Amino acid sequence: MSSATEASVYLFSYGTLQDKAVQLANFGRELSGSKDAMLGYEQSWVEITDPEVLAASGKTHHPILRPGAADSAPIAGTVFQITPEELAAADRYEVADYKRVSVTLASGIQAWVYVSA
């Protein structure tokens, strides 16, 4: 593997990972990203009971995506360029209701995103 591929990965967030407080709690820094969208999914809500996640986000319900129809409305969010270590931190933040999958965003960027497990 070259160091270029190890240097950064893309993560798409449509929920709390866009919040500055959540970013500081999980990554130790505020992320900068660009607006993008995800296609073929539909958004609903999941109740959060994990005390650390509740403390970081301040929210009892987080958005969650499930596969939708090809003509489902685009899911707006932000794509961030992060390190593999930060991706591991995001994995630890997300509760068991979520799994990480690779998707192609509306922009054409290949990114990781958390969807319904």
PDB file of N, CA and C in Angstrom:
ATOM      1  N   MET A   1       0.829  -1.185   0.000  1.00  0.00           N
ATOM      2  CA  MET A   1       0.000   0.000   0.000  1.00  0.00           C
ATOM      3  C   MET A   1       0.877   1.254   0.000  1.00  0.00           C
ATOM      4  N   SER A   2       0.537   2.202  -0.794  1.00  0.00           N
ATOM      5  CA  SER A   2       1.321   3.431  -0.816  1.00  0.00           C
ATOM      6  C   SER A   2       0.880   4.353   0.313  1.00  0.00           C
ATOM      7  N   SER A   3       1.751   5.266   0.687  1.00  0.00           N
ATOM      8  CA  SER A   3       1.410   6.179   1.766  1.00  0.00           C
ATOM      9  C   SER A   3       0.277   7.124   1.370  1.00  0.00           C
ATOM     10  N   ALA A   4       0.080   7.344   0.074  1.00  0.00           N
ATOM     11  CA  ALA A   4      -0.992   8.230  -0.371  1.00  0.00           C
ATOM     12  C   ALA A   4      -2.356   7.647  -0.010  1.00  0.00           C
ATOM     13  N   THR A   5      -2.537   6.330  -0.171  1.00  0.00           N
ATOM     14  CA  THR A   5      -3.824   5.734   0.152  1.00  0.00           C
ATOM     15  C   THR A   5      -3.994   5.614   1.664  1.00  0.00           C
ATOM     16  N   GLU A   6      -2.902   5.523   2.402  1.00  0.00           N
ATOM     17  CA  GLU A   6      -2.997   5.432   3.854  1.00  0.00           C
ATOM     18  C   GLU A   6      -3.238   6.803   4.490  1.00  0.00           C
ATOM     19  N   ALA A   7      -2.889   7.854   3.773  1.00  0.00           N
ATOM     20  CA  ALA A   7      -2.909   9.200   4.347  1.00  0.00           C
ATOM     21  C   ALA A   7      -4.313   9.677   4.683  1.00  0.00           C
ATOM     22  N   SER A   8      -5.306   9.386   3.850  1.00  0.00           N
ATOM     23  CA  SER A   8      -6.645   9.885   4.133  1.00  0.00           C
ATOM     24  C   SER A   8      -7.705   9.032   3.456  1.00  0.00           C
ATOM     25  N   VAL A   9      -8.880   9.103   4.027  1.00  0.00           N
ATOM     26  CA  VAL A   9     -10.059   8.433   3.491  1.00  0.00           C
ATOM     27  C   VAL A   9     -11.196   9.448   3.510  1.00  0.00           C
ATOM     28  N   TYR A  10     -12.250   9.144   2.793  1.00  0.00           N
ATOM     29  CA  TYR A  10     -13.410  10.024   2.788  1.00  0.00           C
ATOM     30  C   TYR A  10     -14.507   9.422   3.647  1.00  0.00           C
ATOM     31  N   LEU A  11     -15.150  10.278   4.433  1.00  0.00           N
ATOM     32  CA  LEU A  11     -16.268   9.891   5.279  1.00  0.00           C
ATOM     33  C   LEU A  11     -17.416  10.847   4.999  1.00  0.00           C
ATOM     34  N   PHE A  12     -18.583  10.277   4.679  1.00  0.00           N
ATOM     35  CA  PHE A  12     -19.777  11.093   4.433  1.00  0.00           C
ATOM     36  C   PHE A  12     -20.648  11.061   5.679  1.00  0.00           C
ATOM     37  N   SER A  13     -21.060  12.236   6.138  1.00  0.00           N
ATOM     38  CA  SER A  13     -21.955  12.328   7.289  1.00  0.00           C
ATOM     39  C   SER A  13     -23.227  13.060   6.917  1.00  0.00           C
ATOM     40  N   TYR A  14     -24.350  12.469   7.305  1.00  0.00           N
ATOM     41  CA  TYR A  14     -25.661  13.098   7.136  1.00  0.00           C
ATOM     42  C   TYR A  14     -26.269  13.394   8.506  1.00  0.00           C
ATOM     43  N   GLY A  15     -25.479  13.162   9.567  1.00  0.00           N
ATOM     44  CA  GLY A  15     -26.005  13.306  10.927  1.00  0.00           C
ATOM     45  C   GLY A  15     -25.031  13.979  11.866  1.00  0.00           C
ATOM     46  N   THR A  16     -24.887  13.389  13.070  1.00  0.00           N
ATOM     47  CA  THR A  16     -24.188  14.059  14.158  1.00  0.00           C
ATOM     48  C   THR A  16     -22.689  14.217  13.944  1.00  0.00           C
ATOM     49  N   LEU A  17     -22.077  13.437  13.051  1.00  0.00           N
ATOM     50  CA  LEU A  17     -20.643  13.622  12.803  1.00  0.00           C
ATOM     51  C   LEU A  17     -20.348  14.964  12.122  1.00  0.00           C
ATOM     52  N   GLN A  18     -21.407  15.685  11.731  1.00  0.00           N
ATOM     53  CA  GLN A  18     -21.231  17.037  11.201  1.00  0.00           C
ATOM     54  C   GLN A  18     -21.148  18.072  12.327  1.00  0.00           C
ATOM     55  N   ASP A  19     -21.526  17.677  13.560  1.00  0.00           N
ATOM     56  CA  ASP A  19     -21.543  18.600  14.701  1.00  0.00           C
ATOM     57  C   ASP A  19     -20.135  18.829  15.244  1.00  0.00           C
ATOM     58  N   LYS A  20     -19.803  20.094  15.461  1.00  0.00           N
ATOM     59  CA  LYS A  20     -18.477  20.448  15.972  1.00  0.00           C
ATOM     60  C   LYS A  20     -18.177  19.732  17.289  1.00  0.00           C
ATOM     61  N   ALA A  21     -19.127  19.698  18.223  1.00  0.00           N
ATOM     62  CA  ALA A  21     -18.898  19.068  19.532  1.00  0.00           C
ATOM     63  C   ALA A  21     -18.599  17.573  19.382  1.00  0.00           C
ATOM     64  N   VAL A  22     -19.301  16.904  18.484  1.00  0.00           N
ATOM     65  CA  VAL A  22     -19.082  15.472  18.235  1.00  0.00           C
ATOM     66  C   VAL A  22     -17.702  15.267  17.611  1.00  0.00           C
ATOM     67  N   GLN A  23     -17.320  16.145  16.684  1.00  0.00           N
ATOM     68  CA  GLN A  23     -15.998  16.042  16.051  1.00  0.00           C
ATOM     69  C   GLN A  23     -14.889  16.231  17.073  1.00  0.00           C
ATOM     70  N   LEU A  24     -15.016  17.247  17.929  1.00  0.00           N
ATOM     71  CA  LEU A  24     -14.000  17.497  18.942  1.00  0.00           C
ATOM     72  C   LEU A  24     -13.891  16.328  19.912  1.00  0.00           C
ATOM     73  N   ALA A  25     -15.032  15.753  20.296  1.00  0.00           N
ATOM     74  CA  ALA A  25     -15.041  14.632  21.239  1.00  0.00           C
ATOM     75  C   ALA A  25     -14.403  13.379  20.640  1.00  0.00           C
ATOM     76  N   ASN A  26     -14.574  13.170  19.342  1.00  0.00           N
ATOM     77  CA  ASN A  26     -14.109  11.932  18.717  1.00  0.00           C
ATOM     78  C   ASN A  26     -12.780  12.053  17.988  1.00  0.00           C
ATOM     79  N   PHE A  27     -12.503  13.216  17.410  1.00  0.00           N
ATOM     80  CA  PHE A  27     -11.309  13.382  16.582  1.00  0.00           C
ATOM     81  C   PHE A  27     -10.308  14.361  17.180  1.00  0.00           C
ATOM     82  N   GLY A  28     -10.728  15.104  18.202  1.00  0.00           N
ATOM     83  CA  GLY A  28      -9.846  16.086  18.808  1.00  0.00           C
ATOM     84  C   GLY A  28      -9.626  17.318  17.941  1.00  0.00           C
ATOM     85  N   ARG A  29     -10.431  17.467  16.904  1.00  0.00           N
ATOM     86  CA  ARG A  29     -10.327  18.629  16.020  1.00  0.00           C
ATOM     87  C   ARG A  29     -11.651  18.820  15.294  1.00  0.00           C
ATOM     88  N   GLU A  30     -11.837  20.023  14.777  1.00  0.00           N
ATOM     89  CA  GLU A  30     -13.014  20.300  13.954  1.00  0.00           C
ATOM     90  C   GLU A  30     -12.667  19.928  12.514  1.00  0.00           C
ATOM     91  N   LEU A  31     -13.540  19.170  11.883  1.00  0.00           N
ATOM     92  CA  LEU A  31     -13.307  18.751  10.501  1.00  0.00           C
ATOM     93  C   LEU A  31     -13.826  19.813   9.542  1.00  0.00           C
ATOM     94  N   SER A  32     -13.169  19.928   8.395  1.00  0.00           N
ATOM     95  CA  SER A  32     -13.715  20.770   7.333  1.00  0.00           C
ATOM     96  C   SER A  32     -14.053  19.835   6.183  1.00  0.00           C
ATOM     97  N   GLY A  33     -15.196  20.084   5.585  1.00  0.00           N
ATOM     98  CA  GLY A  33     -15.646  19.212   4.509  1.00  0.00           C
ATOM     99  C   GLY A  33     -16.394  19.993   3.460  1.00  0.00           C
ATOM    100  N   SER A  34     -16.979  19.261   2.524  1.00  0.00           N
ATOM    101  CA  SER A  34     -17.763  19.909   1.476  1.00  0.00           C
ATOM    102  C   SER A  34     -19.123  19.223   1.372  1.00  0.00           C
ATOM    103  N   LYS A  35     -20.099  20.028   0.973  1.00  0.00           N
ATOM    104  CA  LYS A  35     -21.459  19.510   0.826  1.00  0.00           C
ATOM    105  C   LYS A  35     -21.481  18.453  -0.273  1.00  0.00           C
ATOM    106  N   ASP A  36     -22.259  17.410  -0.042  1.00  0.00           N
ATOM    107  CA  ASP A  36     -22.423  16.346  -1.028  1.00  0.00           C
ATOM    108  C   ASP A  36     -23.761  15.679  -0.744  1.00  0.00           C
ATOM    109  N   ALA A  37     -24.070  14.609  -1.463  1.00  0.00           N
ATOM    110  CA  ALA A  37     -25.331  13.905  -1.248  1.00  0.00           C
ATOM    111  C   ALA A  37     -25.166  12.429  -1.574  1.00  0.00           C
ATOM    112  N   MET A  38     -26.012  11.642  -0.949  1.00  0.00           N
ATOM    113  CA  MET A  38     -26.022  10.194  -1.134  1.00  0.00           C
ATOM    114  C   MET A  38     -27.319   9.810  -1.831  1.00  0.00           C
ATOM    115  N   LEU A  39     -27.234   8.901  -2.776  1.00  0.00           N
ATOM    116  CA  LEU A  39     -28.396   8.496  -3.560  1.00  0.00           C
ATOM    117  C   LEU A  39     -28.805   7.060  -3.218  1.00  0.00           C
ATOM    118  N   GLY A  40     -30.092   6.755  -3.410  1.00  0.00           N
ATOM    119  CA  GLY A  40     -30.567   5.384  -3.246  1.00  0.00           C
ATOM    120  C   GLY A  40     -30.842   4.953  -1.814  1.00  0.00           C
ATOM    121  N   TYR A  41     -30.934   5.918  -0.897  1.00  0.00           N
ATOM    122  CA  TYR A  41     -31.228   5.605   0.505  1.00  0.00           C
ATOM    123  C   TYR A  41     -32.364   6.479   1.008  1.00  0.00           C
ATOM    124  N   GLU A  42     -32.997   6.036   2.089  1.00  0.00           N
ATOM    125  CA  GLU A  42     -34.045   6.810   2.749  1.00  0.00           C
ATOM    126  C   GLU A  42     -33.676   6.961   4.216  1.00  0.00           C
ATOM    127  N   GLN A  43     -34.003   8.114   4.788  1.00  0.00           N
ATOM    128  CA  GLN A  43     -33.633   8.411   6.172  1.00  0.00           C
ATOM    129  C   GLN A  43     -34.782   8.141   7.127  1.00  0.00           C
ATOM    130  N   SER A  44     -34.451   7.548   8.273  1.00  0.00           N
ATOM    131  CA  SER A  44     -35.379   7.451   9.388  1.00  0.00           C
ATOM    132  C   SER A  44     -34.586   7.788  10.647  1.00  0.00           C
ATOM    133  N   TRP A  45     -35.083   7.389  11.819  1.00  0.00           N
ATOM    134  CA  TRP A  45     -34.455   7.774  13.089  1.00  0.00           C
ATOM    135  C   TRP A  45     -34.243   6.555  13.957  1.00  0.00           C
ATOM    136  N   VAL A  46     -33.183   6.590  14.766  1.00  0.00           N
ATOM    137  CA  VAL A  46     -32.888   5.522  15.713  1.00  0.00           C
ATOM    138  C   VAL A  46     -32.684   6.155  17.091  1.00  0.00           C
ATOM    139  N   GLU A  47     -33.229   5.496  18.127  1.00  0.00           N
ATOM    140  CA  GLU A  47     -33.044   6.001  19.486  1.00  0.00           C
ATOM    141  C   GLU A  47     -31.659   5.626  19.987  1.00  0.00           C
ATOM    142  N   ILE A  48     -30.969   6.587  20.584  1.00  0.00           N
ATOM    143  CA  ILE A  48     -29.616   6.383  21.102  1.00  0.00           C
ATOM    144  C   ILE A  48     -29.682   6.220  22.613  1.00  0.00           C
ATOM    145  N   THR A  49     -29.073   5.145  23.137  1.00  0.00           N
ATOM    146  CA  THR A  49     -29.056   4.910  24.581  1.00  0.00           C
ATOM    147  C   THR A  49     -27.635   4.876  25.141  1.00  0.00           C
ATOM    148  N   ASP A  50     -26.619   4.845  24.268  1.00  0.00           N
ATOM    149  CA  ASP A  50     -25.221   4.817  24.719  1.00  0.00           C
ATOM    150  C   ASP A  50     -24.886   6.145  25.401  1.00  0.00           C
ATOM    151  N   PRO A  51     -24.485   6.113  26.688  1.00  0.00           N
ATOM    152  CA  PRO A  51     -24.252   7.360  27.428  1.00  0.00           C
ATOM    153  C   PRO A  51     -23.175   8.256  26.805  1.00  0.00           C
ATOM    154  N   GLU A  52     -22.094   7.671  26.278  1.00  0.00           N
ATOM    155  CA  GLU A  52     -21.026   8.482  25.684  1.00  0.00           C
ATOM    156  C   GLU A  52     -21.496   9.175  24.416  1.00  0.00           C
ATOM    157  N   VAL A  53     -22.279   8.459  23.595  1.00  0.00           N
ATOM    158  CA  VAL A  53     -22.801   9.047  22.359  1.00  0.00           C
ATOM    159  C   VAL A  53     -23.809  10.144  22.697  1.00  0.00           C
ATOM    160  N   LEU A  54     -24.662   9.880  23.693  1.00  0.00           N
ATOM    161  CA  LEU A  54     -25.628  10.894  24.137  1.00  0.00           C
ATOM    162  C   LEU A  54     -24.902  12.144  24.633  1.00  0.00           C
ATOM    163  N   ALA A  55     -23.821  11.945  25.391  1.00  0.00           N
ATOM    164  CA  ALA A  55     -23.066  13.077  25.923  1.00  0.00           C
ATOM    165  C   ALA A  55     -22.423  13.884  24.803  1.00  0.00           C
ATOM    166  N   ALA A  56     -21.882  13.203  23.800  1.00  0.00           N
ATOM    167  CA  ALA A  56     -21.200  13.904  22.701  1.00  0.00           C
ATOM    168  C   ALA A  56     -22.186  14.640  21.804  1.00  0.00           C
ATOM    169  N   SER A  57     -23.305  13.991  21.481  1.00  0.00           N
ATOM    170  CA  SER A  57     -24.230  14.591  20.513  1.00  0.00           C
ATOM    171  C   SER A  57     -25.299  15.452  21.167  1.00  0.00           C
ATOM    172  N   GLY A  58     -25.659  15.128  22.413  1.00  0.00           N
ATOM    173  CA  GLY A  58     -26.747  15.848  23.065  1.00  0.00           C
ATOM    174  C   GLY A  58     -28.114  15.515  22.488  1.00  0.00           C
ATOM    175  N   LYS A  59     -28.186  14.445  21.693  1.00  0.00           N
ATOM    176  CA  LYS A  59     -29.439  14.081  21.021  1.00  0.00           C
ATOM    177  C   LYS A  59     -29.818  12.636  21.348  1.00  0.00           C
ATOM    178  N   THR A  60     -31.114  12.409  21.643  1.00  0.00           N
ATOM    179  CA  THR A  60     -31.587  11.053  21.965  1.00  0.00           C
ATOM    180  C   THR A  60     -31.926  10.247  20.719  1.00  0.00           C
ATOM    181  N   HIS A  61     -32.124  10.923  19.592  1.00  0.00           N
ATOM    182  CA  HIS A  61     -32.421  10.232  18.335  1.00  0.00           C
ATOM    183  C   HIS A  61     -31.487  10.745  17.247  1.00  0.00           C
ATOM    184  N   HIS A  62     -30.904   9.821  16.514  1.00  0.00           N
ATOM    185  CA  HIS A  62     -29.998  10.173  15.417  1.00  0.00           C
ATOM    186  C   HIS A  62     -30.600   9.684  14.103  1.00  0.00           C
ATOM    187  N   PRO A  63     -30.311  10.382  13.007  1.00  0.00           N
ATOM    188  CA  PRO A  63     -30.769   9.900  11.709  1.00  0.00           C
ATOM    189  C   PRO A  63     -30.043   8.610  11.337  1.00  0.00           C
ATOM    190  N   ILE A  64     -30.727   7.765  10.580  1.00  0.00           N
ATOM    191  CA  ILE A  64     -30.134   6.515  10.094  1.00  0.00           C
ATOM    192  C   ILE A  64     -30.661   6.261   8.690  1.00  0.00           C
ATOM    193  N   LEU A  65     -29.830   5.695   7.834  1.00  0.00           N
ATOM    194  CA  LEU A  65     -30.230   5.447   6.444  1.00  0.00           C
ATOM    195  C   LEU A  65     -30.447   3.968   6.204  1.00  0.00           C
ATOM    196  N   ARG A  66     -31.475   3.694   5.397  1.00  0.00           N
ATOM    197  CA  ARG A  66     -31.748   2.338   4.934  1.00  0.00           C
ATOM    198  C   ARG A  66     -31.844   2.389   3.413  1.00  0.00           C
ATOM    199  N   PRO A  67     -31.479   1.290   2.746  1.00  0.00           N
ATOM    200  CA  PRO A  67     -31.598   1.296   1.282  1.00  0.00           C
ATOM    201  C   PRO A  67     -33.003   1.701   0.843  1.00  0.00           C
ATOM    202  N   GLY A  68     -33.057   2.560  -0.160  1.00  0.00           N
ATOM    203  CA  GLY A  68     -34.333   3.038  -0.681  1.00  0.00           C
ATOM    204  C   GLY A  68     -34.440   2.712  -2.156  1.00  0.00           C
ATOM    205  N   ALA A  69     -35.369   3.373  -2.804  1.00  0.00           N
ATOM    206  CA  ALA A  69     -35.558   3.186  -4.238  1.00  0.00           C
ATOM    207  C   ALA A  69     -34.523   4.001  -5.007  1.00  0.00           C
ATOM    208  N   ALA A  70     -34.313   3.640  -6.256  1.00  0.00           N
ATOM    209  CA  ALA A  70     -33.351   4.361  -7.096  1.00  0.00           C
ATOM    210  C   ALA A  70     -33.720   5.834  -7.200  1.00  0.00           C
ATOM    211  N   ASP A  71     -35.034   6.132  -7.124  1.00  0.00           N
ATOM    212  CA  ASP A  71     -35.479   7.524  -7.248  1.00  0.00           C
ATOM    213  C   ASP A  71     -35.731   8.181  -5.894  1.00  0.00           C
ATOM    214  N   SER A  72     -35.184   7.594  -4.803  1.00  0.00           N
ATOM    215  CA  SER A  72     -35.310   8.218  -3.480  1.00  0.00           C
ATOM    216  C   SER A  72     -34.663   9.601  -3.515  1.00  0.00           C
ATOM    217  N   ALA A  73     -35.195  10.514  -2.716  1.00  0.00           N
ATOM    218  CA  ALA A  73     -34.628  11.857  -2.649  1.00  0.00           C
ATOM    219  C   ALA A  73     -33.183  11.778  -2.170  1.00  0.00           C
ATOM    220  N   PRO A  74     -32.285  12.596  -2.728  1.00  0.00           N
ATOM    221  CA  PRO A  74     -30.893  12.591  -2.265  1.00  0.00           C
ATOM    222  C   PRO A  74     -30.809  12.926  -0.779  1.00  0.00           C
ATOM    223  N   ILE A  75     -29.889  12.277  -0.079  1.00  0.00           N
ATOM    224  CA  ILE A  75     -29.635  12.544   1.334  1.00  0.00           C
ATOM    225  C   ILE A  75     -28.483  13.545   1.401  1.00  0.00           C
ATOM    226  N   ALA A  76     -28.782  14.747   1.854  1.00  0.00           N
ATOM    227  CA  ALA A  76     -27.762  15.795   1.932  1.00  0.00           C
ATOM    228  C   ALA A  76     -26.857  15.572   3.134  1.00  0.00           C
ATOM    229  N   GLY A  77     -25.607  15.969   2.983  1.00  0.00           N
ATOM    230  CA  GLY A  77     -24.663  15.850   4.079  1.00  0.00           C
ATOM    231  C   GLY A  77     -23.347  16.496   3.712  1.00  0.00           C
ATOM    232  N   THR A  78     -22.311  16.068   4.420  1.00  0.00           N
ATOM    233  CA  THR A  78     -20.973  16.625   4.226  1.00  0.00           C
ATOM    234  C   THR A  78     -19.978  15.489   4.076  1.00  0.00           C
ATOM    235  N   VAL A  79     -19.065  15.632   3.124  1.00  0.00           N
ATOM    236  CA  VAL A  79     -17.988  14.652   2.966  1.00  0.00           C
ATOM    237  C   VAL A  79     -16.715  15.257   3.556  1.00  0.00           C
ATOM    238  N   PHE A  80     -16.067  14.456   4.415  1.00  0.00           N
ATOM    239  CA  PHE A  80     -14.851  14.884   5.101  1.00  0.00           C
ATOM    240  C   PHE A  80     -13.691  14.008   4.668  1.00  0.00           C
ATOM    241  N   GLN A  81     -12.513  14.590   4.574  1.00  0.00           N
ATOM    242  CA  GLN A  81     -11.288  13.836   4.344  1.00  0.00           C
ATOM    243  C   GLN A  81     -10.643  13.643   5.713  1.00  0.00           C
ATOM    244  N   ILE A  82     -10.509  12.375   6.150  1.00  0.00           N
ATOM    245  CA  ILE A  82     -10.002  12.083   7.493  1.00  0.00           C
ATOM    246  C   ILE A  82      -8.906  11.024   7.416  1.00  0.00           C
ATOM    247  N   THR A  83      -8.231  10.811   8.531  1.00  0.00           N
ATOM    248  CA  THR A  83      -7.181   9.794   8.591  1.00  0.00           C
ATOM    249  C   THR A  83      -7.786   8.438   8.934  1.00  0.00           C
ATOM    250  N   PRO A  84      -7.070   7.349   8.651  1.00  0.00           N
ATOM    251  CA  PRO A  84      -7.566   6.028   9.059  1.00  0.00           C
ATOM    252  C   PRO A  84      -7.797   5.943  10.570  1.00  0.00           C
ATOM    253  N   GLU A  85      -6.976   6.637  11.367  1.00  0.00           N
ATOM    254  CA  GLU A  85      -7.162   6.641  12.817  1.00  0.00           C
ATOM    255  C   GLU A  85      -8.478   7.326  13.182  1.00  0.00           C
ATOM    256  N   GLU A  86      -8.812   8.403  12.475  1.00  0.00           N
ATOM    257  CA  GLU A  86     -10.080   9.090  12.727  1.00  0.00           C
ATOM    258  C   GLU A  86     -11.263   8.233  12.297  1.00  0.00           C
ATOM    259  N   LEU A  87     -11.095   7.461  11.225  1.00  0.00           N
ATOM    260  CA  LEU A  87     -12.151   6.541  10.811  1.00  0.00           C
ATOM    261  C   LEU A  87     -12.389   5.489  11.897  1.00  0.00           C
ATOM    262  N   ALA A  88     -11.314   4.994  12.512  1.00  0.00           N
ATOM    263  CA  ALA A  88     -11.441   4.035  13.612  1.00  0.00           C
ATOM    264  C   ALA A  88     -12.172   4.681  14.792  1.00  0.00           C
ATOM    265  N   ALA A  89     -11.895   5.968  15.051  1.00  0.00           N
ATOM    266  CA  ALA A  89     -12.597   6.684  16.122  1.00  0.00           C
ATOM    267  C   ALA A  89     -14.084   6.815  15.796  1.00  0.00           C
ATOM    268  N   ALA A  90     -14.406   7.070  14.536  1.00  0.00           N
ATOM    269  CA  ALA A  90     -15.812   7.152  14.116  1.00  0.00           C
ATOM    270  C   ALA A  90     -16.492   5.799  14.299  1.00  0.00           C
ATOM    271  N   ASP A  91     -15.773   4.702  13.995  1.00  0.00           N
ATOM    272  CA  ASP A  91     -16.322   3.359  14.210  1.00  0.00           C
ATOM    273  C   ASP A  91     -16.688   3.161  15.681  1.00  0.00           C
ATOM    274  N   ARG A  92     -15.836   3.638  16.572  1.00  0.00           N
ATOM    275  CA  ARG A  92     -16.099   3.490  18.010  1.00  0.00           C
ATOM    276  C   ARG A  92     -17.286   4.348  18.446  1.00  0.00           C
ATOM    277  N   TYR A  93     -17.476   5.493  17.811  1.00  0.00           N
ATOM    278  CA  TYR A  93     -18.578   6.400  18.161  1.00  0.00           C
ATOM    279  C   TYR A  93     -19.927   5.828  17.749  1.00  0.00           C
ATOM    280  N   GLU A  94     -19.988   5.230  16.572  1.00  0.00           N
ATOM    281  CA  GLU A  94     -21.269   4.754  16.056  1.00  0.00           C
ATOM    282  C   GLU A  94     -21.738   3.528  16.847  1.00  0.00           C
ATOM    283  N   VAL A  95     -23.013   3.538  17.231  1.00  0.00           N
ATOM    284  CA  VAL A  95     -23.576   2.434  18.005  1.00  0.00           C
ATOM    285  C   VAL A  95     -23.874   1.241  17.102  1.00  0.00           C
ATOM    286  N   ALA A  96     -24.243   0.115  17.708  1.00  0.00           N
ATOM    287  CA  ALA A  96     -24.426  -1.148  16.985  1.00  0.00           C
ATOM    288  C   ALA A  96     -25.529  -1.099  15.931  1.00  0.00           C
ATOM    289  N   ASP A  97     -26.394  -0.085  15.990  1.00  0.00           N
ATOM    290  CA  ASP A  97     -27.454   0.042  14.988  1.00  0.00           C
ATOM    291  C   ASP A  97     -26.890   0.376  13.611  1.00  0.00           C
ATOM    292  N   TYR A  98     -25.633   0.828  13.567  1.00  0.00           N
ATOM    293  CA  TYR A  98     -25.016   1.266  12.314  1.00  0.00           C
ATOM    294  C   TYR A  98     -23.923   0.301  11.856  1.00  0.00           C
ATOM    295  N   LYS A  99     -23.748   0.244  10.553  1.00  0.00           N
ATOM    296  CA  LYS A  99     -22.579  -0.433   9.967  1.00  0.00           C
ATOM    297  C   LYS A  99     -21.972   0.523   8.948  1.00  0.00           C
ATOM    298  N   ARG A 100     -20.671   0.357   8.694  1.00  0.00           N
ATOM    299  CA  ARG A 100     -19.973   1.233   7.743  1.00  0.00           C
ATOM    300  C   ARG A 100     -19.927   0.552   6.392  1.00  0.00           C
ATOM    301  N   VAL A 101     -20.344   1.280   5.358  1.00  0.00           N
ATOM    302  CA  VAL A 101     -20.303   0.782   3.982  1.00  0.00           C
ATOM    303  C   VAL A 101     -19.656   1.830   3.089  1.00  0.00           C
ATOM    304  N   SER A 102     -19.164   1.388   1.945  1.00  0.00           N
ATOM    305  CA  SER A 102     -18.564   2.284   0.965  1.00  0.00           C
ATOM    306  C   SER A 102     -19.609   2.608  -0.099  1.00  0.00           C
ATOM    307  N   VAL A 103     -19.759   3.892  -0.406  1.00  0.00           N
ATOM    308  CA  VAL A 103     -20.724   4.331  -1.413  1.00  0.00           C
ATOM    309  C   VAL A 103     -20.073   5.347  -2.340  1.00  0.00           C
ATOM    310  N   THR A 104     -20.676   5.519  -3.504  1.00  0.00           N
ATOM    311  CA  THR A 104     -20.276   6.590  -4.409  1.00  0.00           C
ATOM    312  C   THR A 104     -21.269   7.728  -4.227  1.00  0.00           C
ATOM    313  N   LEU A 105     -20.768   8.883  -3.841  1.00  0.00           N
ATOM    314  CA  LEU A 105     -21.615  10.049  -3.604  1.00  0.00           C
ATOM    315  C   LEU A 105     -22.022  10.704  -4.916  1.00  0.00           C
ATOM    316  N   ALA A 106     -22.949  11.650  -4.834  1.00  0.00           N
ATOM    317  CA  ALA A 106     -23.421  12.367  -6.017  1.00  0.00           C
ATOM    318  C   ALA A 106     -22.270  13.024  -6.764  1.00  0.00           C
ATOM    319  N   SER A 107     -21.223  13.448  -6.022  1.00  0.00           N
ATOM    320  CA  SER A 107     -20.062  14.103  -6.626  1.00  0.00           C
ATOM    321  C   SER A 107     -19.141  13.127  -7.350  1.00  0.00           C
ATOM    322  N   GLY A 108     -19.347  11.824  -7.117  1.00  0.00           N
ATOM    323  CA  GLY A 108     -18.459  10.815  -7.684  1.00  0.00           C
ATOM    324  C   GLY A 108     -17.401  10.339  -6.707  1.00  0.00           C
ATOM    325  N   ILE A 109     -17.292  11.003  -5.542  1.00  0.00           N
ATOM    326  CA  ILE A 109     -16.318  10.592  -4.520  1.00  0.00           C
ATOM    327  C   ILE A 109     -16.754   9.267  -3.905  1.00  0.00           C
ATOM    328  N   GLN A 110     -15.795   8.361  -3.743  1.00  0.00           N
ATOM    329  CA  GLN A 110     -16.020   7.102  -3.028  1.00  0.00           C
ATOM    330  C   GLN A 110     -15.770   7.378  -1.551  1.00  0.00           C
ATOM    331  N   ALA A 111     -16.779   7.130  -0.709  1.00  0.00           N
ATOM    332  CA  ALA A 111     -16.662   7.486   0.706  1.00  0.00           C
ATOM    333  C   ALA A 111     -17.277   6.413   1.586  1.00  0.00           C
ATOM    334  N   TRP A 112     -16.799   6.364   2.832  1.00  0.00           N
ATOM    335  CA  TRP A 112     -17.422   5.528   3.849  1.00  0.00           C
ATOM    336  C   TRP A 112     -18.626   6.285   4.407  1.00  0.00           C
ATOM    337  N   VAL A 113     -19.663   5.532   4.797  1.00  0.00           N
ATOM    338  CA  VAL A 113     -20.837   6.120   5.431  1.00  0.00           C
ATOM    339  C   VAL A 113     -21.433   5.073   6.368  1.00  0.00           C
ATOM    340  N   TYR A 114     -22.084   5.536   7.413  1.00  0.00           N
ATOM    341  CA  TYR A 114     -22.747   4.636   8.364  1.00  0.00           C
ATOM    342  C   TYR A 114     -24.224   4.568   8.033  1.00  0.00           C
ATOM    343  N   VAL A 115     -24.705   3.331   7.814  1.00  0.00           N
ATOM    344  CA  VAL A 115     -26.107   3.097   7.481  1.00  0.00           C
ATOM    345  C   VAL A 115     -26.666   2.060   8.461  1.00  0.00           C
ATOM    346  N   SER A 116     -27.934   1.768   8.343  1.00  0.00           N
ATOM    347  CA  SER A 116     -28.579   0.818   9.243  1.00  0.00           C
ATOM    348  C   SER A 116     -27.933  -0.558   9.134  1.00  0.00           C
ATOM    349  N   ALA A 117     -27.593  -1.130  10.300  1.00  0.00           N
ATOM    350  CA  ALA A 117     -27.021  -2.473  10.336  1.00  0.00           C
ATOM    351  C   ALA A 117     -28.120  -3.506  10.120  1.00  0.00           C
TER     352      ALA A 117
END
